[in-house]
N, C-alpha and C. Protein backbone atom coordinates (compact mmCIF):
# COMPACT_ATOMS: atom_id res chain seq x y z
N MET A 1 0.85 -1.18 0.00
CA MET A 1 0.00 0.00 0.00
C MET A 1 0.89 1.23 0.00
N ARG A 2 0.51 2.22 -0.78
CA ARG A 2 1.28 3.46 -0.82
C ARG A 2 0.97 4.31 0.39
N GLU A 3 1.83 5.24 0.66
CA GLU A 3 1.67 6.11 1.82
C GLU A 3 0.30 6.77 1.81
N GLY A 4 -0.41 6.69 2.92
CA GLY A 4 -1.72 7.31 3.05
C GLY A 4 -2.84 6.48 2.46
N GLY A 5 -2.52 5.45 1.71
CA GLY A 5 -3.55 4.58 1.17
C GLY A 5 -4.28 5.13 -0.05
N ASN A 6 -4.16 6.41 -0.35
CA ASN A 6 -4.95 7.03 -1.41
C ASN A 6 -4.68 6.42 -2.77
N MET A 7 -3.45 6.36 -3.16
CA MET A 7 -3.15 5.84 -4.49
C MET A 7 -3.57 4.39 -4.61
N TYR A 8 -3.40 3.63 -3.56
CA TYR A 8 -3.78 2.23 -3.61
C TYR A 8 -5.28 2.09 -3.80
N ALA A 9 -6.08 2.81 -3.03
CA ALA A 9 -7.53 2.75 -3.18
C ALA A 9 -7.95 3.22 -4.57
N LYS A 10 -7.36 4.28 -5.03
CA LYS A 10 -7.68 4.81 -6.36
C LYS A 10 -7.34 3.79 -7.44
N GLU A 11 -6.17 3.17 -7.34
CA GLU A 11 -5.76 2.19 -8.32
C GLU A 11 -6.68 0.97 -8.33
N ILE A 12 -7.14 0.55 -7.16
CA ILE A 12 -8.06 -0.58 -7.08
C ILE A 12 -9.38 -0.23 -7.75
N LEU A 13 -9.90 0.96 -7.48
CA LEU A 13 -11.16 1.38 -8.11
C LEU A 13 -11.00 1.47 -9.62
N ILE A 14 -9.92 2.05 -10.09
CA ILE A 14 -9.70 2.16 -11.53
C ILE A 14 -9.59 0.77 -12.15
N GLU A 15 -8.88 -0.13 -11.51
CA GLU A 15 -8.77 -1.50 -12.00
C GLU A 15 -10.15 -2.16 -12.09
N GLY A 16 -10.96 -1.98 -11.07
CA GLY A 16 -12.30 -2.56 -11.07
C GLY A 16 -13.17 -2.02 -12.18
N TYR A 17 -13.18 -0.72 -12.36
CA TYR A 17 -13.98 -0.12 -13.43
C TYR A 17 -13.43 -0.47 -14.82
N ASP A 18 -12.11 -0.62 -14.94
CA ASP A 18 -11.53 -1.07 -16.21
C ASP A 18 -11.99 -2.50 -16.53
N ARG A 19 -12.15 -3.33 -15.51
CA ARG A 19 -12.61 -4.70 -15.74
C ARG A 19 -14.05 -4.71 -16.27
N ILE A 20 -14.87 -3.80 -15.78
CA ILE A 20 -16.23 -3.71 -16.31
C ILE A 20 -16.17 -3.41 -17.81
N ARG A 21 -15.37 -2.42 -18.17
CA ARG A 21 -15.23 -2.05 -19.59
C ARG A 21 -14.77 -3.25 -20.41
N ASP A 22 -13.76 -3.94 -19.93
CA ASP A 22 -13.26 -5.10 -20.67
C ASP A 22 -14.35 -6.15 -20.86
N GLU A 23 -15.12 -6.41 -19.82
CA GLU A 23 -16.18 -7.42 -19.90
C GLU A 23 -17.33 -6.97 -20.81
N VAL A 24 -17.66 -5.68 -20.79
CA VAL A 24 -18.70 -5.17 -21.69
C VAL A 24 -18.29 -5.43 -23.14
N HIS A 25 -17.04 -5.12 -23.47
CA HIS A 25 -16.57 -5.32 -24.84
C HIS A 25 -16.49 -6.81 -25.19
N THR A 26 -16.12 -7.64 -24.23
CA THR A 26 -16.09 -9.08 -24.48
C THR A 26 -17.49 -9.61 -24.78
N VAL A 27 -18.48 -9.16 -24.02
CA VAL A 27 -19.86 -9.58 -24.27
C VAL A 27 -20.32 -9.13 -25.65
N LEU A 28 -20.03 -7.90 -26.02
CA LEU A 28 -20.52 -7.36 -27.29
C LEU A 28 -19.83 -7.96 -28.52
N ALA A 29 -18.65 -8.50 -28.34
CA ALA A 29 -17.89 -9.03 -29.48
C ALA A 29 -18.67 -10.14 -30.19
N GLY A 30 -18.87 -9.96 -31.48
CA GLY A 30 -19.50 -10.97 -32.30
C GLY A 30 -21.03 -11.01 -32.25
N LEU A 31 -21.65 -10.09 -31.54
CA LEU A 31 -23.11 -10.09 -31.45
C LEU A 31 -23.73 -9.18 -32.51
N GLY A 32 -24.91 -9.57 -32.97
CA GLY A 32 -25.70 -8.74 -33.85
C GLY A 32 -26.88 -8.14 -33.09
N THR A 33 -27.65 -7.31 -33.76
CA THR A 33 -28.79 -6.65 -33.12
C THR A 33 -29.80 -7.65 -32.59
N ASP A 34 -30.08 -8.69 -33.34
CA ASP A 34 -31.03 -9.70 -32.85
C ASP A 34 -30.52 -10.36 -31.57
N ASP A 35 -29.21 -10.58 -31.50
CA ASP A 35 -28.63 -11.16 -30.29
C ASP A 35 -28.81 -10.23 -29.10
N LEU A 36 -28.60 -8.94 -29.32
CA LEU A 36 -28.74 -7.96 -28.24
C LEU A 36 -30.15 -7.96 -27.66
N ASP A 37 -31.12 -8.11 -28.53
CA ASP A 37 -32.52 -8.00 -28.11
C ASP A 37 -33.12 -9.32 -27.65
N HIS A 38 -32.40 -10.41 -27.80
CA HIS A 38 -32.91 -11.73 -27.42
C HIS A 38 -33.10 -11.83 -25.91
N SER A 39 -34.26 -12.29 -25.52
CA SER A 39 -34.54 -12.57 -24.11
C SER A 39 -34.51 -14.08 -23.94
N PRO A 40 -33.71 -14.60 -23.02
CA PRO A 40 -33.57 -16.04 -22.89
C PRO A 40 -34.81 -16.76 -22.38
N ALA A 41 -35.74 -16.01 -21.81
CA ALA A 41 -36.99 -16.58 -21.30
C ALA A 41 -37.99 -15.43 -21.15
N PRO A 42 -39.27 -15.74 -21.17
CA PRO A 42 -40.27 -14.67 -20.99
C PRO A 42 -40.00 -13.88 -19.70
N GLY A 43 -39.94 -12.58 -19.84
CA GLY A 43 -39.71 -11.71 -18.69
C GLY A 43 -38.26 -11.54 -18.28
N ALA A 44 -37.34 -12.28 -18.93
CA ALA A 44 -35.92 -12.16 -18.60
C ALA A 44 -35.31 -10.99 -19.37
N ASN A 45 -34.27 -10.42 -18.82
CA ASN A 45 -33.62 -9.27 -19.44
C ASN A 45 -32.72 -9.68 -20.59
N SER A 46 -32.72 -8.84 -21.62
CA SER A 46 -31.86 -9.04 -22.78
C SER A 46 -30.46 -8.50 -22.49
N ILE A 47 -29.52 -8.88 -23.35
CA ILE A 47 -28.17 -8.33 -23.26
C ILE A 47 -28.22 -6.82 -23.42
N ALA A 48 -29.03 -6.33 -24.36
CA ALA A 48 -29.15 -4.88 -24.58
C ALA A 48 -29.58 -4.19 -23.29
N TRP A 49 -30.61 -4.72 -22.62
CA TRP A 49 -31.10 -4.08 -21.40
C TRP A 49 -30.03 -4.14 -20.32
N LEU A 50 -29.40 -5.29 -20.13
CA LEU A 50 -28.40 -5.44 -19.06
C LEU A 50 -27.24 -4.46 -19.23
N LEU A 51 -26.73 -4.34 -20.45
CA LEU A 51 -25.59 -3.45 -20.68
C LEU A 51 -26.01 -1.98 -20.68
N TRP A 52 -27.19 -1.69 -21.22
CA TRP A 52 -27.70 -0.31 -21.17
C TRP A 52 -27.91 0.09 -19.71
N HIS A 53 -28.53 -0.78 -18.93
CA HIS A 53 -28.83 -0.49 -17.53
C HIS A 53 -27.55 -0.28 -16.72
N LEU A 54 -26.56 -1.14 -16.87
CA LEU A 54 -25.34 -0.95 -16.08
C LEU A 54 -24.64 0.34 -16.48
N SER A 55 -24.73 0.71 -17.75
CA SER A 55 -24.16 1.98 -18.21
C SER A 55 -24.92 3.16 -17.62
N ARG A 56 -26.25 3.07 -17.64
CA ARG A 56 -27.07 4.15 -17.10
C ARG A 56 -26.86 4.32 -15.60
N VAL A 57 -26.78 3.21 -14.86
CA VAL A 57 -26.57 3.30 -13.41
C VAL A 57 -25.22 3.94 -13.12
N GLN A 58 -24.18 3.48 -13.81
CA GLN A 58 -22.87 4.08 -13.59
C GLN A 58 -22.90 5.57 -13.93
N ASP A 59 -23.49 5.91 -15.05
CA ASP A 59 -23.57 7.31 -15.49
C ASP A 59 -24.33 8.15 -14.46
N ASP A 60 -25.49 7.69 -14.07
CA ASP A 60 -26.35 8.42 -13.12
C ASP A 60 -25.67 8.59 -11.76
N HIS A 61 -25.17 7.52 -11.21
CA HIS A 61 -24.61 7.55 -9.85
C HIS A 61 -23.29 8.32 -9.79
N ILE A 62 -22.43 8.15 -10.77
CA ILE A 62 -21.15 8.87 -10.78
C ILE A 62 -21.40 10.36 -10.98
N ALA A 63 -22.26 10.69 -11.93
CA ALA A 63 -22.57 12.11 -12.16
C ALA A 63 -23.14 12.75 -10.89
N ASP A 64 -24.07 12.07 -10.24
CA ASP A 64 -24.67 12.60 -9.02
C ASP A 64 -23.63 12.77 -7.91
N ALA A 65 -22.79 11.78 -7.72
CA ALA A 65 -21.80 11.82 -6.64
C ALA A 65 -20.75 12.90 -6.83
N PHE A 66 -20.48 13.26 -8.08
CA PHE A 66 -19.43 14.24 -8.36
C PHE A 66 -19.98 15.58 -8.87
N GLY A 67 -21.30 15.74 -8.86
CA GLY A 67 -21.90 17.00 -9.31
C GLY A 67 -21.71 17.26 -10.79
N LEU A 68 -21.74 16.21 -11.60
CA LEU A 68 -21.56 16.33 -13.04
C LEU A 68 -22.88 16.11 -13.76
N GLU A 69 -22.90 16.48 -15.03
CA GLU A 69 -24.06 16.17 -15.86
C GLU A 69 -23.88 14.75 -16.39
N GLN A 70 -24.97 14.02 -16.50
CA GLN A 70 -24.89 12.67 -17.03
C GLN A 70 -24.45 12.69 -18.49
N VAL A 71 -23.60 11.78 -18.86
CA VAL A 71 -23.15 11.62 -20.24
C VAL A 71 -24.37 11.37 -21.14
N TRP A 72 -25.32 10.58 -20.66
CA TRP A 72 -26.54 10.23 -21.39
C TRP A 72 -27.25 11.48 -21.90
N LEU A 73 -27.30 12.50 -21.06
CA LEU A 73 -28.03 13.73 -21.40
C LEU A 73 -27.12 14.77 -22.05
N ALA A 74 -25.92 14.93 -21.53
CA ALA A 74 -25.03 15.99 -22.00
C ALA A 74 -24.50 15.75 -23.41
N ARG A 75 -24.39 14.49 -23.79
CA ARG A 75 -23.78 14.17 -25.09
C ARG A 75 -24.78 13.53 -26.05
N ASP A 76 -26.04 13.78 -25.82
CA ASP A 76 -27.13 13.36 -26.73
C ASP A 76 -27.28 11.85 -26.93
N TRP A 77 -26.79 11.05 -25.98
CA TRP A 77 -26.96 9.61 -26.11
C TRP A 77 -28.44 9.23 -26.01
N ALA A 78 -29.20 9.93 -25.19
CA ALA A 78 -30.63 9.63 -25.07
C ALA A 78 -31.32 9.75 -26.42
N ASP A 79 -30.98 10.79 -27.17
CA ASP A 79 -31.58 10.97 -28.49
C ASP A 79 -31.08 9.92 -29.49
N ARG A 80 -29.82 9.57 -29.40
CA ARG A 80 -29.27 8.57 -30.32
C ARG A 80 -29.90 7.19 -30.11
N PHE A 81 -30.17 6.85 -28.85
CA PHE A 81 -30.80 5.56 -28.57
C PHE A 81 -32.29 5.58 -28.90
N ASP A 82 -32.92 6.75 -28.73
CA ASP A 82 -34.32 6.94 -29.09
C ASP A 82 -35.24 5.86 -28.48
N LEU A 83 -35.10 5.67 -27.18
CA LEU A 83 -35.93 4.69 -26.48
C LEU A 83 -37.27 5.29 -26.10
N GLU A 84 -38.26 4.46 -25.98
CA GLU A 84 -39.58 4.91 -25.55
C GLU A 84 -39.65 4.95 -24.02
N LEU A 85 -38.68 5.65 -23.42
CA LEU A 85 -38.58 5.77 -21.97
C LEU A 85 -38.23 7.22 -21.63
N PRO A 86 -38.56 7.66 -20.42
CA PRO A 86 -38.14 9.00 -20.02
C PRO A 86 -36.61 9.13 -20.07
N HIS A 87 -36.11 10.30 -20.43
CA HIS A 87 -34.67 10.50 -20.60
C HIS A 87 -33.86 10.19 -19.34
N HIS A 88 -34.42 10.39 -18.16
CA HIS A 88 -33.66 10.14 -16.92
C HIS A 88 -33.76 8.70 -16.45
N ASP A 89 -34.48 7.86 -17.16
CA ASP A 89 -34.68 6.46 -16.76
C ASP A 89 -33.34 5.72 -16.76
N THR A 90 -33.11 4.94 -15.70
CA THR A 90 -31.89 4.12 -15.61
C THR A 90 -32.21 2.63 -15.69
N GLY A 91 -33.48 2.30 -15.71
CA GLY A 91 -33.86 0.89 -15.74
C GLY A 91 -34.16 0.32 -14.36
N TYR A 92 -33.86 1.08 -13.32
CA TYR A 92 -34.11 0.58 -11.96
C TYR A 92 -35.61 0.34 -11.76
N GLY A 93 -35.96 -0.87 -11.36
CA GLY A 93 -37.35 -1.21 -11.10
C GLY A 93 -38.18 -1.48 -12.35
N HIS A 94 -37.53 -1.64 -13.48
CA HIS A 94 -38.28 -1.89 -14.72
C HIS A 94 -39.11 -3.17 -14.64
N THR A 95 -40.29 -3.09 -15.18
CA THR A 95 -41.11 -4.28 -15.40
C THR A 95 -40.57 -4.96 -16.66
N PRO A 96 -40.95 -6.22 -16.90
CA PRO A 96 -40.52 -6.85 -18.15
C PRO A 96 -40.94 -6.06 -19.39
N GLU A 97 -42.09 -5.43 -19.34
CA GLU A 97 -42.56 -4.63 -20.48
C GLU A 97 -41.67 -3.41 -20.71
N GLN A 98 -41.27 -2.75 -19.63
CA GLN A 98 -40.39 -1.59 -19.77
C GLN A 98 -39.01 -2.03 -20.25
N ALA A 99 -38.51 -3.12 -19.70
CA ALA A 99 -37.19 -3.61 -20.11
C ALA A 99 -37.19 -3.98 -21.59
N ALA A 100 -38.29 -4.50 -22.09
CA ALA A 100 -38.39 -4.88 -23.50
C ALA A 100 -38.32 -3.67 -24.43
N LYS A 101 -38.57 -2.46 -23.91
CA LYS A 101 -38.48 -1.25 -24.73
C LYS A 101 -37.03 -0.87 -25.02
N VAL A 102 -36.11 -1.44 -24.28
CA VAL A 102 -34.70 -1.14 -24.50
C VAL A 102 -34.20 -2.04 -25.62
N ARG A 103 -34.31 -1.51 -26.82
CA ARG A 103 -33.85 -2.19 -28.03
C ARG A 103 -32.79 -1.29 -28.64
N VAL A 104 -31.61 -1.84 -28.78
CA VAL A 104 -30.46 -1.05 -29.21
C VAL A 104 -30.14 -1.38 -30.66
N PRO A 105 -30.00 -0.34 -31.50
CA PRO A 105 -29.80 -0.60 -32.94
C PRO A 105 -28.44 -1.18 -33.32
N SER A 106 -27.44 -1.11 -32.44
CA SER A 106 -26.14 -1.69 -32.81
C SER A 106 -25.26 -1.87 -31.59
N THR A 107 -24.35 -2.82 -31.70
CA THR A 107 -23.36 -3.00 -30.63
C THR A 107 -22.43 -1.80 -30.57
N VAL A 108 -22.18 -1.16 -31.71
CA VAL A 108 -21.30 0.01 -31.75
C VAL A 108 -21.89 1.14 -30.91
N LEU A 109 -23.19 1.37 -31.02
CA LEU A 109 -23.85 2.41 -30.24
C LEU A 109 -23.75 2.10 -28.75
N LEU A 110 -24.04 0.87 -28.39
CA LEU A 110 -24.01 0.48 -26.98
C LEU A 110 -22.59 0.59 -26.42
N ALA A 111 -21.61 0.11 -27.16
CA ALA A 111 -20.21 0.22 -26.73
C ALA A 111 -19.79 1.68 -26.64
N GLY A 112 -20.23 2.50 -27.59
CA GLY A 112 -19.87 3.92 -27.57
C GLY A 112 -20.39 4.63 -26.34
N TYR A 113 -21.64 4.37 -25.99
CA TYR A 113 -22.19 4.99 -24.79
C TYR A 113 -21.46 4.49 -23.55
N TYR A 114 -21.28 3.18 -23.44
CA TYR A 114 -20.57 2.68 -22.25
C TYR A 114 -19.18 3.30 -22.17
N ASP A 115 -18.45 3.36 -23.28
CA ASP A 115 -17.10 3.92 -23.26
C ASP A 115 -17.09 5.39 -22.83
N ALA A 116 -18.08 6.16 -23.26
CA ALA A 116 -18.17 7.56 -22.85
C ALA A 116 -18.41 7.67 -21.34
N VAL A 117 -19.25 6.80 -20.80
CA VAL A 117 -19.49 6.76 -19.35
C VAL A 117 -18.21 6.36 -18.64
N HIS A 118 -17.56 5.35 -19.13
CA HIS A 118 -16.31 4.86 -18.53
C HIS A 118 -15.26 5.97 -18.50
N ASP A 119 -15.13 6.72 -19.59
CA ASP A 119 -14.16 7.81 -19.64
C ASP A 119 -14.45 8.85 -18.57
N GLN A 120 -15.73 9.20 -18.39
CA GLN A 120 -16.08 10.18 -17.36
C GLN A 120 -15.76 9.61 -15.97
N THR A 121 -16.07 8.34 -15.77
CA THR A 121 -15.79 7.70 -14.48
C THR A 121 -14.29 7.72 -14.19
N LEU A 122 -13.48 7.32 -15.16
CA LEU A 122 -12.03 7.31 -14.93
C LEU A 122 -11.50 8.70 -14.65
N GLY A 123 -12.06 9.70 -15.30
CA GLY A 123 -11.62 11.08 -15.05
C GLY A 123 -11.79 11.48 -13.59
N VAL A 124 -12.94 11.14 -13.01
CA VAL A 124 -13.16 11.52 -11.61
C VAL A 124 -12.37 10.62 -10.66
N LEU A 125 -12.20 9.36 -11.02
CA LEU A 125 -11.42 8.46 -10.16
C LEU A 125 -9.97 8.89 -10.10
N ARG A 126 -9.42 9.30 -11.22
CA ARG A 126 -8.00 9.73 -11.24
C ARG A 126 -7.76 10.97 -10.39
N ALA A 127 -8.80 11.78 -10.21
CA ALA A 127 -8.67 13.02 -9.44
C ALA A 127 -8.97 12.83 -7.95
N LEU A 128 -9.30 11.63 -7.52
CA LEU A 128 -9.67 11.37 -6.13
C LEU A 128 -8.52 11.58 -5.17
N ALA A 129 -8.86 12.12 -4.02
CA ALA A 129 -7.95 12.16 -2.87
C ALA A 129 -8.55 11.24 -1.81
N ALA A 130 -7.75 10.74 -0.91
CA ALA A 130 -8.21 9.79 0.11
C ALA A 130 -9.40 10.34 0.89
N LYS A 131 -9.35 11.60 1.26
CA LYS A 131 -10.43 12.19 2.06
C LYS A 131 -11.75 12.24 1.29
N ASP A 132 -11.69 12.26 -0.04
CA ASP A 132 -12.91 12.30 -0.86
C ASP A 132 -13.78 11.07 -0.63
N LEU A 133 -13.17 9.92 -0.38
CA LEU A 133 -13.91 8.68 -0.23
C LEU A 133 -14.80 8.68 1.00
N GLU A 134 -14.53 9.55 1.96
CA GLU A 134 -15.32 9.65 3.19
C GLU A 134 -16.48 10.63 3.07
N ARG A 135 -16.53 11.41 2.00
CA ARG A 135 -17.58 12.40 1.81
C ARG A 135 -18.94 11.72 1.66
N VAL A 136 -19.93 12.21 2.39
CA VAL A 136 -21.28 11.66 2.31
C VAL A 136 -21.93 12.16 1.02
N VAL A 137 -22.46 11.20 0.23
CA VAL A 137 -23.09 11.55 -1.04
C VAL A 137 -24.59 11.26 -1.05
N ASP A 138 -25.09 10.56 -0.04
CA ASP A 138 -26.52 10.23 0.01
C ASP A 138 -26.93 10.04 1.46
N GLU A 139 -27.73 10.98 1.94
CA GLU A 139 -28.16 10.94 3.35
C GLU A 139 -29.49 10.23 3.53
N ARG A 140 -30.04 9.65 2.46
CA ARG A 140 -31.32 8.96 2.57
C ARG A 140 -31.20 7.60 3.24
N TRP A 141 -30.00 7.13 3.47
CA TRP A 141 -29.75 5.81 4.04
C TRP A 141 -29.22 5.94 5.46
N GLU A 142 -29.34 4.88 6.22
CA GLU A 142 -28.77 4.84 7.57
C GLU A 142 -27.83 3.65 7.65
N PRO A 143 -26.56 3.83 7.77
CA PRO A 143 -25.88 5.12 7.84
C PRO A 143 -25.83 5.79 6.46
N PRO A 144 -25.58 7.09 6.45
CA PRO A 144 -25.47 7.80 5.17
C PRO A 144 -24.37 7.17 4.29
N VAL A 145 -24.57 7.24 2.99
CA VAL A 145 -23.66 6.61 2.02
C VAL A 145 -22.50 7.56 1.71
N THR A 146 -21.29 7.03 1.86
CA THR A 146 -20.10 7.81 1.50
C THR A 146 -19.77 7.58 0.03
N LEU A 147 -18.90 8.42 -0.50
CA LEU A 147 -18.46 8.27 -1.88
C LEU A 147 -17.79 6.92 -2.08
N GLY A 148 -16.96 6.50 -1.14
CA GLY A 148 -16.29 5.21 -1.26
C GLY A 148 -17.29 4.07 -1.36
N VAL A 149 -18.31 4.09 -0.52
CA VAL A 149 -19.34 3.05 -0.54
C VAL A 149 -20.11 3.11 -1.85
N ARG A 150 -20.44 4.30 -2.33
CA ARG A 150 -21.18 4.43 -3.60
C ARG A 150 -20.37 3.88 -4.76
N LEU A 151 -19.08 4.20 -4.80
CA LEU A 151 -18.24 3.71 -5.90
C LEU A 151 -18.14 2.19 -5.91
N VAL A 152 -18.04 1.59 -4.73
CA VAL A 152 -17.99 0.12 -4.65
C VAL A 152 -19.35 -0.48 -4.99
N SER A 153 -20.43 0.18 -4.59
CA SER A 153 -21.77 -0.29 -4.89
C SER A 153 -22.01 -0.33 -6.40
N VAL A 154 -21.64 0.73 -7.10
CA VAL A 154 -21.81 0.79 -8.56
C VAL A 154 -20.93 -0.27 -9.21
N LEU A 155 -19.71 -0.40 -8.74
CA LEU A 155 -18.79 -1.41 -9.27
C LEU A 155 -19.40 -2.80 -9.13
N SER A 156 -19.92 -3.11 -7.97
CA SER A 156 -20.53 -4.42 -7.71
C SER A 156 -21.75 -4.64 -8.60
N ASP A 157 -22.62 -3.67 -8.68
CA ASP A 157 -23.83 -3.78 -9.49
C ASP A 157 -23.49 -4.00 -10.97
N ASP A 158 -22.54 -3.21 -11.46
CA ASP A 158 -22.16 -3.32 -12.87
C ASP A 158 -21.51 -4.67 -13.18
N LEU A 159 -20.66 -5.16 -12.28
CA LEU A 159 -20.05 -6.47 -12.51
C LEU A 159 -21.09 -7.58 -12.52
N GLN A 160 -22.08 -7.47 -11.65
CA GLN A 160 -23.15 -8.48 -11.66
C GLN A 160 -23.90 -8.46 -12.99
N HIS A 161 -24.25 -7.27 -13.46
CA HIS A 161 -25.01 -7.17 -14.71
C HIS A 161 -24.21 -7.59 -15.93
N VAL A 162 -22.94 -7.26 -15.97
CA VAL A 162 -22.14 -7.69 -17.13
C VAL A 162 -21.96 -9.21 -17.07
N GLY A 163 -21.89 -9.78 -15.89
CA GLY A 163 -21.84 -11.23 -15.77
C GLY A 163 -23.12 -11.88 -16.25
N GLN A 164 -24.25 -11.26 -15.93
CA GLN A 164 -25.53 -11.77 -16.42
C GLN A 164 -25.59 -11.70 -17.95
N ALA A 165 -25.09 -10.61 -18.51
CA ALA A 165 -25.08 -10.46 -19.97
C ALA A 165 -24.18 -11.53 -20.61
N ALA A 166 -23.06 -11.82 -19.99
CA ALA A 166 -22.17 -12.87 -20.50
C ALA A 166 -22.87 -14.23 -20.45
N TYR A 167 -23.65 -14.46 -19.42
CA TYR A 167 -24.39 -15.71 -19.30
C TYR A 167 -25.43 -15.83 -20.42
N VAL A 168 -26.16 -14.75 -20.67
CA VAL A 168 -27.16 -14.76 -21.74
C VAL A 168 -26.48 -14.99 -23.08
N LYS A 169 -25.32 -14.38 -23.30
CA LYS A 169 -24.57 -14.61 -24.55
C LYS A 169 -24.19 -16.07 -24.66
N GLY A 170 -23.76 -16.67 -23.56
CA GLY A 170 -23.42 -18.09 -23.57
C GLY A 170 -24.61 -18.96 -23.91
N LEU A 171 -25.78 -18.61 -23.38
CA LEU A 171 -26.99 -19.36 -23.72
C LEU A 171 -27.29 -19.26 -25.20
N LEU A 172 -27.15 -18.05 -25.74
CA LEU A 172 -27.38 -17.85 -27.18
C LEU A 172 -26.42 -18.69 -28.01
N GLN A 173 -25.17 -18.65 -27.66
CA GLN A 173 -24.16 -19.38 -28.44
C GLN A 173 -24.36 -20.89 -28.34
N SER A 174 -24.75 -21.37 -27.18
CA SER A 174 -24.97 -22.82 -27.06
C SER A 174 -26.23 -23.26 -27.81
N ALA A 175 -27.22 -22.38 -27.91
CA ALA A 175 -28.45 -22.70 -28.66
C ALA A 175 -28.16 -22.72 -30.16
N GLU A 176 -27.21 -21.92 -30.61
CA GLU A 176 -26.86 -21.85 -32.02
C GLU A 176 -25.95 -22.98 -32.45
N ALA A 177 -25.28 -23.61 -31.50
CA ALA A 177 -24.31 -24.67 -31.82
C ALA A 177 -24.97 -25.97 -32.24
């Protein structure tokens, strides 16, 4: 561990978020639009929804924690995706019907949005100081949520969803074999 622990914590967070990016790209490799929209069972989430949702959650939560504008809104990604959902929607609490509205026209678009979110996330992570991780970012919880806890929460949520997307891709590939 480096002196004060700051660089070590920052490096761990950057490594974790880089792994999400790597896994998102691994899942998207070789998929077509039909693959993205495929639901493995009635009411189950598609790869498109899982990757869009993890991108939206990261975008929403990081922007909120650091006082930034969401990439989704600031860089016209909401218009490019043209979903039949409110612009601030992150997918949290979606019904199967709402999740089915997340149909993505290309893997390039989905990867582009995720990469833009990832770039914003890395920018704020690189600027972190150790004391920043203790800052309270959400007082609606008991105990209040610190920045460090929020960053780990988003990391955990995103890794779970990208793992689910990889599983759905595996189901698709085994069905095609």
